[in-house]
Amino acid sequence: MSQADQTKPLLTASVHDVRYFTALLRGIGFSNRASVTLTASSGITVTVEEARTLLATSYIYADHFDEWLYNVDNLQAAPSQLSAPDVDRESASFEIPLNTLLECLNIFGTANISSSSSAGSKNKQWRRADDGSEDERGDEGRRPNANRIDQYFGSHEKRTSMRLTYAGPGHALTLVLAEDSSGPTTTCEISTFDPEPNLELPFDADQTVLKTIFKSSFWLRDALSELDPSCEKVTLIANPVADVQRAQRGVPAKPLFRIQGTGAFGTTEMDYPNDREVLETFECSRSVSFSYRFSHISRTLRALQNSTKTSLRVEQEGLLSLQFLVPVPRPRGGVSDSFIEFRCLALDDDVAH
């Protein structure tokens, strides 16, 4: 390797507006220890976990950056990897204190996306378990798609641009941040560490018993927001459409899809209608009832805030997968999509049956 190649960073990436990059990181910012994987063709994957039960991953693709240069020839094994027979030259992994990275990105105070998704929410109505049917409530009970993509592209007088470099294993992650072309520039160096094995929660799509896509993430975000903070667990209850339609007169109808919060002060239940303006997709192969710690489910609220759609899937053993679609502008025009995914194990009592 030439002297010139040795001086090239493993990765050089830049964006003219860090708000979207920050939003994808802030969505999983509930844990400070983050595992970062850089891939030559794909981009950056950041993963955090909690209590060996909750796993959250943010996918930041290479085409979201104005500049993405991954110098494969400069990847060298870290000292801890010298005995490894093979080193994947297409990717590199390290750990980083996520809170420190977020603070650096917001050093000029302009890294947060201002969302207007809550505008007009005063007209929303939730169908609770003892309410009448959706048809009885009329059109005023329907919520339009409040998370339209154009809300994320408001004009801001000042934006923070970033140039990120990483020289390879054992080196710091370096950020050069500037508020504008004529303003001050700040350089931040964040120490990186050898990665530790992450919790593995593989989701088997062939074992999916419930799959639903919320047309707007609003429908899930506001349901979770309405639950009392003292809530201890959240139960997801769902039944096949055919079973709901076969309900006999005088027999309480089975809920199509219900979110139930249980705590010291009682239970809150919210039912979703079979309405494509709310649930764009709904597939349920059998009756489902799984519970999760509310403290874990509430970790998704930041990701929900900046997402437009949400996919919810449940495996037959209760493993929950929540995928949040986050819009990101392409450097050369147009819009691309990123994802934040949460996976959470069900409480043992529910898995037993």
Protein backbone atom coordinates (compact mmCIF):
# COMPACT_ATOMS: atom_id res chain seq x y z
CA MET A 1 0.00 0.00 0.00
CA SER A 2 1.36 3.38 -0.97
CA GLN A 3 1.92 6.18 1.52
CA ALA A 4 -0.93 8.11 -0.10
CA ASP A 5 -3.35 5.20 0.38
CA GLN A 6 -2.34 4.85 4.02
CA THR A 7 -3.41 8.42 4.71
CA LYS A 8 -6.87 7.97 3.20
CA PRO A 9 -9.66 7.42 5.73
CA LEU A 10 -11.59 4.19 5.52
CA LEU A 11 -14.79 6.25 5.24
CA THR A 12 -15.50 9.81 4.22
CA ALA A 13 -19.14 10.88 4.20
CA SER A 14 -20.82 14.27 4.21
CA VAL A 15 -24.29 15.80 4.35
CA HIS A 16 -25.35 19.41 3.93
CA ASP A 17 -28.12 19.07 6.53
CA VAL A 18 -27.62 16.84 9.58
CA ARG A 19 -31.28 16.93 10.69
CA TYR A 20 -32.23 13.72 8.90
CA PHE A 21 -29.08 11.88 9.94
CA THR A 22 -29.71 12.98 13.52
CA ALA A 23 -33.37 11.92 13.43
CA LEU A 24 -32.39 8.38 12.45
CA LEU A 25 -29.98 8.22 15.39
CA ARG A 26 -32.24 9.94 17.89
CA GLY A 27 -34.96 7.40 17.15
CA ILE A 28 -32.85 4.76 18.91
CA GLY A 29 -31.16 7.08 21.39
CA PHE A 30 -32.47 5.35 24.52
CA SER A 31 -29.15 3.56 25.13
CA ASN A 32 -25.70 5.11 25.10
CA ARG A 33 -23.79 2.01 23.95
CA ALA A 34 -24.27 1.74 20.20
CA SER A 35 -22.77 -0.72 17.75
CA VAL A 36 -21.97 0.82 14.37
CA THR A 37 -21.38 -1.14 11.17
CA LEU A 38 -20.06 0.57 8.04
CA THR A 39 -20.63 -1.21 4.75
CA ALA A 40 -19.05 -0.22 1.45
CA SER A 41 -22.22 -0.34 -0.64
CA SER A 42 -25.05 -0.10 1.89
CA GLY A 43 -24.20 2.62 4.38
CA ILE A 44 -24.33 2.79 8.16
CA THR A 45 -26.20 0.50 10.54
CA VAL A 46 -26.49 1.55 14.19
CA THR A 47 -27.82 -0.87 16.82
CA VAL A 48 -28.65 -0.53 20.51
CA GLU A 49 -30.26 -2.92 22.98
CA GLU A 50 -31.86 -2.92 26.41
CA ALA A 51 -32.23 -5.61 29.07
CA ARG A 52 -31.51 -8.39 26.58
CA THR A 53 -35.13 -7.96 25.49
CA LEU A 54 -35.29 -4.94 23.20
CA LEU A 55 -33.18 -4.46 20.06
CA ALA A 56 -33.33 -1.30 17.93
CA THR A 57 -31.58 -0.73 14.61
CA SER A 58 -31.35 2.37 12.43
CA TYR A 59 -30.48 1.99 8.75
CA ILE A 60 -28.77 5.02 7.18
CA TYR A 61 -28.16 4.28 3.52
CA ALA A 62 -25.19 5.47 1.49
CA ASP A 63 -27.37 7.38 -0.99
CA HIS A 64 -28.59 9.67 1.81
CA PHE A 65 -25.17 11.31 1.91
CA ASP A 66 -23.98 14.02 -0.45
CA GLU A 67 -20.61 12.26 -0.40
CA TRP A 68 -19.95 8.61 0.40
CA LEU A 69 -16.45 7.27 -0.14
CA TYR A 70 -15.54 3.91 1.38
CA ASN A 71 -11.89 3.07 0.77
CA VAL A 72 -11.92 -0.74 0.92
CA ASP A 73 -8.15 -0.98 0.34
CA ASN A 74 -7.49 0.89 3.56
CA LEU A 75 -9.32 -1.49 5.89
CA GLN A 76 -6.95 -3.16 8.32
CA ALA A 77 -7.65 -5.57 11.14
CA ALA A 78 -7.82 -4.17 14.64
CA PRO A 79 -5.30 -5.61 17.14
CA SER A 80 -8.06 -7.80 18.60
CA GLN A 81 -8.71 -9.25 15.13
CA LEU A 82 -5.15 -10.11 14.17
CA SER A 83 -5.73 -13.81 14.88
CA ALA A 84 -8.88 -13.95 12.77
CA PRO A 85 -8.35 -15.94 9.56
CA ASP A 86 -10.56 -13.62 7.52
CA VAL A 87 -11.35 -9.95 7.80
CA ASP A 88 -14.39 -8.67 5.91
CA ARG A 89 -12.95 -5.84 3.83
CA GLU A 90 -16.41 -4.66 2.76
CA SER A 91 -17.46 -3.67 6.27
CA ALA A 92 -16.10 -2.40 9.59
CA SER A 93 -17.68 -2.36 13.05
CA PHE A 94 -17.07 -0.47 16.25
CA GLU A 95 -18.89 0.82 19.33
CA ILE A 96 -19.48 4.44 20.14
CA PRO A 97 -21.19 6.48 22.89
CA LEU A 98 -24.37 7.46 21.04
CA ASN A 99 -25.27 10.34 23.36
CA THR A 100 -21.92 11.97 22.66
CA LEU A 101 -22.45 11.66 18.91
CA LEU A 102 -25.92 13.24 19.17
CA GLU A 103 -24.58 16.12 21.26
CA CYS A 104 -21.87 16.79 18.69
CA LEU A 105 -24.37 16.79 15.82
CA ASN A 106 -26.48 19.37 17.64
CA ILE A 107 -23.55 21.55 18.68
CA PHE A 108 -25.04 24.53 16.79
CA GLY A 109 -28.58 23.77 17.97
CA THR A 110 -29.96 23.15 14.48
CA ALA A 111 -29.96 19.35 14.25
CA ASN A 112 -33.57 18.63 15.21
CA ILE A 113 -36.40 18.15 12.73
CA SER A 114 -39.40 20.26 13.63
CA SER A 115 -42.43 18.11 13.00
CA SER A 116 -45.94 19.47 12.54
CA SER A 117 -47.45 16.00 12.63
CA SER A 118 -49.46 16.83 15.72
CA ALA A 119 -51.19 19.76 14.02
CA GLY A 120 -54.91 19.32 13.90
CA SER A 121 -54.87 16.42 16.34
CA LYS A 122 -57.61 18.06 18.37
CA ASN A 123 -60.12 16.60 15.89
CA LYS A 124 -59.00 13.02 16.26
CA GLN A 125 -61.17 10.41 17.91
CA TRP A 126 -60.15 7.03 19.20
CA ARG A 127 -62.49 4.11 19.07
CA ARG A 128 -62.36 2.59 22.52
CA ALA A 129 -63.57 -0.88 23.39
CA ASP A 130 -67.03 0.29 24.49
CA ASP A 131 -67.61 2.75 21.64
CA GLY A 132 -69.96 2.27 18.75
CA SER A 133 -68.80 1.15 15.34
CA GLU A 134 -66.63 3.28 13.10
CA ASP A 135 -69.61 3.87 10.81
CA GLU A 136 -71.65 5.24 13.72
CA ARG A 137 -69.02 7.88 14.45
CA GLY A 138 -69.11 9.32 10.97
CA ASP A 139 -66.39 10.99 8.93
CA GLU A 140 -65.27 13.22 11.78
CA GLY A 141 -63.76 10.16 13.46
CA ARG A 142 -61.39 9.55 10.59
CA ARG A 143 -57.89 10.92 10.81
CA PRO A 144 -56.24 12.15 7.61
CA ASN A 145 -52.65 11.26 6.95
CA ALA A 146 -50.99 13.88 9.10
CA ASN A 147 -47.47 12.69 8.39
CA ARG A 148 -47.26 13.96 4.83
CA ILE A 149 -43.75 14.03 3.49
CA ASP A 150 -43.72 17.76 2.80
CA GLN A 151 -43.83 18.59 6.52
CA TYR A 152 -40.19 17.56 6.79
CA PHE A 153 -38.95 20.09 4.25
CA GLY A 154 -39.66 23.39 5.93
CA SER A 155 -37.21 26.17 5.20
CA HIS A 156 -34.64 26.87 7.89
CA GLU A 157 -32.38 29.88 7.89
CA LYS A 158 -29.49 27.95 9.34
CA ARG A 159 -28.52 24.33 8.86
CA THR A 160 -25.60 22.33 10.11
CA SER A 161 -23.49 20.50 7.53
CA MET A 162 -21.24 17.61 8.46
CA ARG A 163 -18.23 15.81 7.10
CA LEU A 164 -17.61 12.47 8.81
CA THR A 165 -14.35 10.53 8.57
CA TYR A 166 -13.23 7.24 10.07
CA ALA A 167 -9.65 6.07 9.57
CA GLY A 168 -10.31 2.46 10.61
CA PRO A 169 -10.25 0.18 13.67
CA GLY A 170 -8.60 1.80 16.67
CA HIS A 171 -9.19 5.35 15.39
CA ALA A 172 -11.66 7.99 16.52
CA LEU A 173 -14.75 8.99 14.56
CA THR A 174 -14.13 12.55 13.38
CA LEU A 175 -16.91 15.05 12.65
CA VAL A 176 -16.32 18.44 11.05
CA LEU A 177 -19.44 20.55 11.56
CA ALA A 178 -20.23 23.96 10.07
CA GLU A 179 -23.31 26.14 10.42
CA ASP A 180 -22.81 27.82 7.05
CA SER A 181 -20.02 28.48 4.59
CA SER A 182 -18.91 31.66 6.32
CA GLY A 183 -19.62 30.65 9.93
CA PRO A 184 -17.57 28.82 12.53
CA THR A 185 -16.39 25.24 12.07
CA THR A 186 -16.11 22.70 14.86
CA THR A 187 -14.15 19.45 14.80
CA CYS A 188 -15.20 16.65 17.15
CA GLU A 189 -13.29 13.45 17.71
CA ILE A 190 -15.25 10.64 19.36
CA SER A 191 -13.42 7.59 20.68
CA THR A 192 -14.48 4.24 19.25
CA PHE A 193 -14.21 0.83 20.87
CA ASP A 194 -14.02 -2.78 19.76
CA PRO A 195 -17.56 -4.11 19.23
CA GLU A 196 -19.13 -6.54 21.66
CA PRO A 197 -21.61 -9.20 20.46
CA ASN A 198 -25.13 -7.81 20.15
CA LEU A 199 -28.37 -9.43 21.21
CA GLU A 200 -29.71 -11.49 18.32
CA LEU A 201 -33.46 -11.56 17.77
CA PRO A 202 -33.96 -13.11 14.32
CA PHE A 203 -37.49 -12.64 13.00
CA ASP A 204 -38.82 -15.57 10.97
CA ALA A 205 -41.23 -14.08 8.42
CA ASP A 206 -42.63 -17.55 7.70
CA GLN A 207 -43.83 -17.75 11.32
CA THR A 208 -45.69 -14.42 11.25
CA VAL A 209 -49.15 -14.62 12.86
CA LEU A 210 -49.98 -10.90 12.70
CA LYS A 211 -48.96 -8.27 10.18
CA THR A 212 -50.40 -4.80 9.91
CA ILE A 213 -49.25 -1.57 8.30
CA PHE A 214 -50.52 1.71 9.71
CA LYS A 215 -51.23 4.10 6.86
CA SER A 216 -49.95 6.87 9.12
CA SER A 217 -47.68 6.39 12.12
CA PHE A 218 -49.99 8.84 13.88
CA TRP A 219 -52.41 6.00 14.60
CA LEU A 220 -49.89 4.09 16.70
CA ARG A 221 -48.01 7.05 18.15
CA ASP A 222 -51.08 8.70 19.62
CA ALA A 223 -52.39 5.41 20.98
CA LEU A 224 -49.17 4.87 22.91
CA SER A 225 -49.08 8.52 23.97
CA GLU A 226 -52.55 8.22 25.52
CA LEU A 227 -51.52 5.38 27.82
CA ASP A 228 -50.88 6.38 31.41
CA PRO A 229 -47.17 6.68 32.24
CA SER A 230 -47.76 4.29 35.14
CA CYS A 231 -48.77 1.59 32.66
CA GLU A 232 -46.83 -1.62 33.26
CA LYS A 233 -47.54 -3.67 30.15
CA VAL A 234 -49.02 -3.34 26.70
CA THR A 235 -51.01 -6.21 25.22
CA LEU A 236 -51.60 -6.62 21.50
CA ILE A 237 -54.82 -8.50 20.73
CA ALA A 238 -55.85 -9.43 17.19
CA ASN A 239 -58.26 -11.80 15.48
CA PRO A 240 -58.70 -12.94 11.87
CA VAL A 241 -61.17 -10.83 9.89
CA ALA A 242 -63.40 -13.87 9.31
CA ASP A 243 -63.72 -14.50 13.06
CA VAL A 244 -64.68 -10.88 13.69
CA GLN A 245 -67.34 -10.96 10.96
CA ARG A 246 -68.88 -14.20 12.32
CA ALA A 247 -69.82 -12.62 15.65
CA GLN A 248 -73.35 -13.67 16.62
CA ARG A 249 -76.07 -11.31 17.74
CA GLY A 250 -75.90 -10.70 21.46
CA VAL A 251 -72.33 -11.97 21.67
CA PRO A 252 -69.62 -9.31 22.09
CA ALA A 253 -67.66 -9.01 18.87
CA LYS A 254 -64.02 -9.99 18.93
CA PRO A 255 -61.71 -7.03 18.37
CA LEU A 256 -59.96 -6.90 15.02
CA PHE A 257 -56.91 -5.26 16.54
CA ARG A 258 -56.70 -3.88 20.07
CA ILE A 259 -53.97 -2.19 22.08
CA GLN A 260 -54.51 -2.68 25.80
CA GLY A 261 -52.53 -0.91 28.47
CA THR A 262 -52.57 -2.28 32.00
CA GLY A 263 -51.24 -0.60 35.12
CA ALA A 264 -51.87 0.09 38.78
CA PHE A 265 -54.79 2.41 38.01
CA GLY A 266 -56.68 0.17 35.64
CA THR A 267 -56.81 -0.79 31.98
CA THR A 268 -57.08 1.29 28.82
CA GLU A 269 -58.25 -0.34 25.58
CA MET A 270 -58.16 1.11 22.08
CA ASP A 271 -59.63 -0.71 19.09
CA TYR A 272 -58.71 -0.22 15.45
CA PRO A 273 -61.37 -0.48 12.72
CA ASN A 274 -61.12 -2.54 9.56
CA ASP A 275 -60.51 0.62 7.55
CA ARG A 276 -57.77 1.00 4.95
CA GLU A 277 -57.45 4.66 5.86
CA VAL A 278 -56.16 3.47 9.22
CA LEU A 279 -54.78 -0.05 8.70
CA GLU A 280 -53.44 -0.14 5.17
CA THR A 281 -52.70 -3.85 5.55
CA PHE A 282 -54.08 -6.33 8.07
CA GLU A 283 -53.24 -10.04 8.04
CA CYS A 284 -53.95 -12.27 11.02
CA SER A 285 -53.80 -16.06 10.72
CA ARG A 286 -55.07 -16.88 14.24
CA SER A 287 -56.17 -15.19 17.45
CA VAL A 288 -53.22 -13.36 18.97
CA SER A 289 -52.61 -11.99 22.47
CA PHE A 290 -49.09 -11.07 23.55
CA SER A 291 -47.91 -8.62 26.21
CA TYR A 292 -44.77 -6.47 26.39
CA ARG A 293 -43.31 -4.17 28.99
CA PHE A 294 -44.61 -0.66 28.43
CA SER A 295 -41.19 0.74 29.30
CA HIS A 296 -39.82 -1.09 26.25
CA ILE A 297 -42.65 -0.21 23.86
CA SER A 298 -42.49 3.46 24.85
CA ARG A 299 -38.90 3.54 23.56
CA THR A 300 -40.37 3.66 20.05
CA LEU A 301 -42.03 7.06 20.47
CA ARG A 302 -39.08 9.07 19.15
CA ALA A 303 -38.89 6.93 16.03
CA LEU A 304 -42.66 7.21 15.59
CA GLN A 305 -42.42 11.00 15.78
CA ASN A 306 -40.34 11.21 12.59
CA SER A 307 -41.85 8.31 10.66
CA THR A 308 -44.63 8.31 8.09
CA LYS A 309 -45.71 4.66 8.14
CA THR A 310 -45.35 1.81 10.61
CA SER A 311 -45.25 -1.91 10.00
CA LEU A 312 -46.13 -4.14 12.97
CA ARG A 313 -45.48 -7.88 12.84
CA VAL A 314 -45.72 -10.57 15.50
CA GLU A 315 -44.11 -14.00 15.28
CA GLN A 316 -45.89 -17.07 16.65
CA GLU A 317 -43.73 -17.04 19.81
CA GLY A 318 -44.57 -13.38 20.41
CA LEU A 319 -41.45 -11.68 19.03
CA LEU A 320 -42.58 -8.21 17.98
CA SER A 321 -41.11 -6.33 15.03
CA LEU A 322 -41.90 -2.65 14.53
CA GLN A 323 -40.50 -1.00 11.40
CA PHE A 324 -40.75 2.77 11.00
CA LEU A 325 -40.48 4.39 7.59
CA VAL A 326 -38.49 7.64 7.83
CA PRO A 327 -38.31 9.98 4.81
CA VAL A 328 -34.91 11.38 3.83
CA PRO A 329 -34.27 13.82 0.96
CA ARG A 330 -31.84 12.63 -1.71
CA PRO A 331 -28.82 14.89 -2.27
CA ARG A 332 -29.69 15.27 -5.96
CA GLY A 333 -33.42 15.72 -5.50
CA GLY A 334 -36.32 13.48 -4.65
CA VAL A 335 -37.02 11.48 -1.55
CA SER A 336 -35.57 8.23 -0.28
CA ASP A 337 -36.70 6.13 2.67
CA SER A 338 -34.83 4.83 5.66
CA PHE A 339 -35.98 2.48 8.36
CA ILE A 340 -35.75 2.17 12.10
CA GLU A 341 -36.62 -1.27 13.43
CA PHE A 342 -37.43 -2.37 16.96
CA ARG A 343 -37.66 -6.01 18.02
CA CYS A 344 -39.01 -6.93 21.43
CA LEU A 345 -39.55 -10.22 23.24
CA ALA A 346 -42.98 -10.93 24.72
CA LEU A 347 -43.45 -11.44 28.43
CA ASP A 348 -42.92 -15.07 29.38
CA ASP A 349 -46.46 -15.58 30.71
CA ASP A 350 -47.89 -15.01 27.25
CA VAL A 351 -45.35 -17.13 25.40
CA ALA A 352 -46.22 -20.11 27.61
CA HIS A 353 -49.63 -20.47 25.98
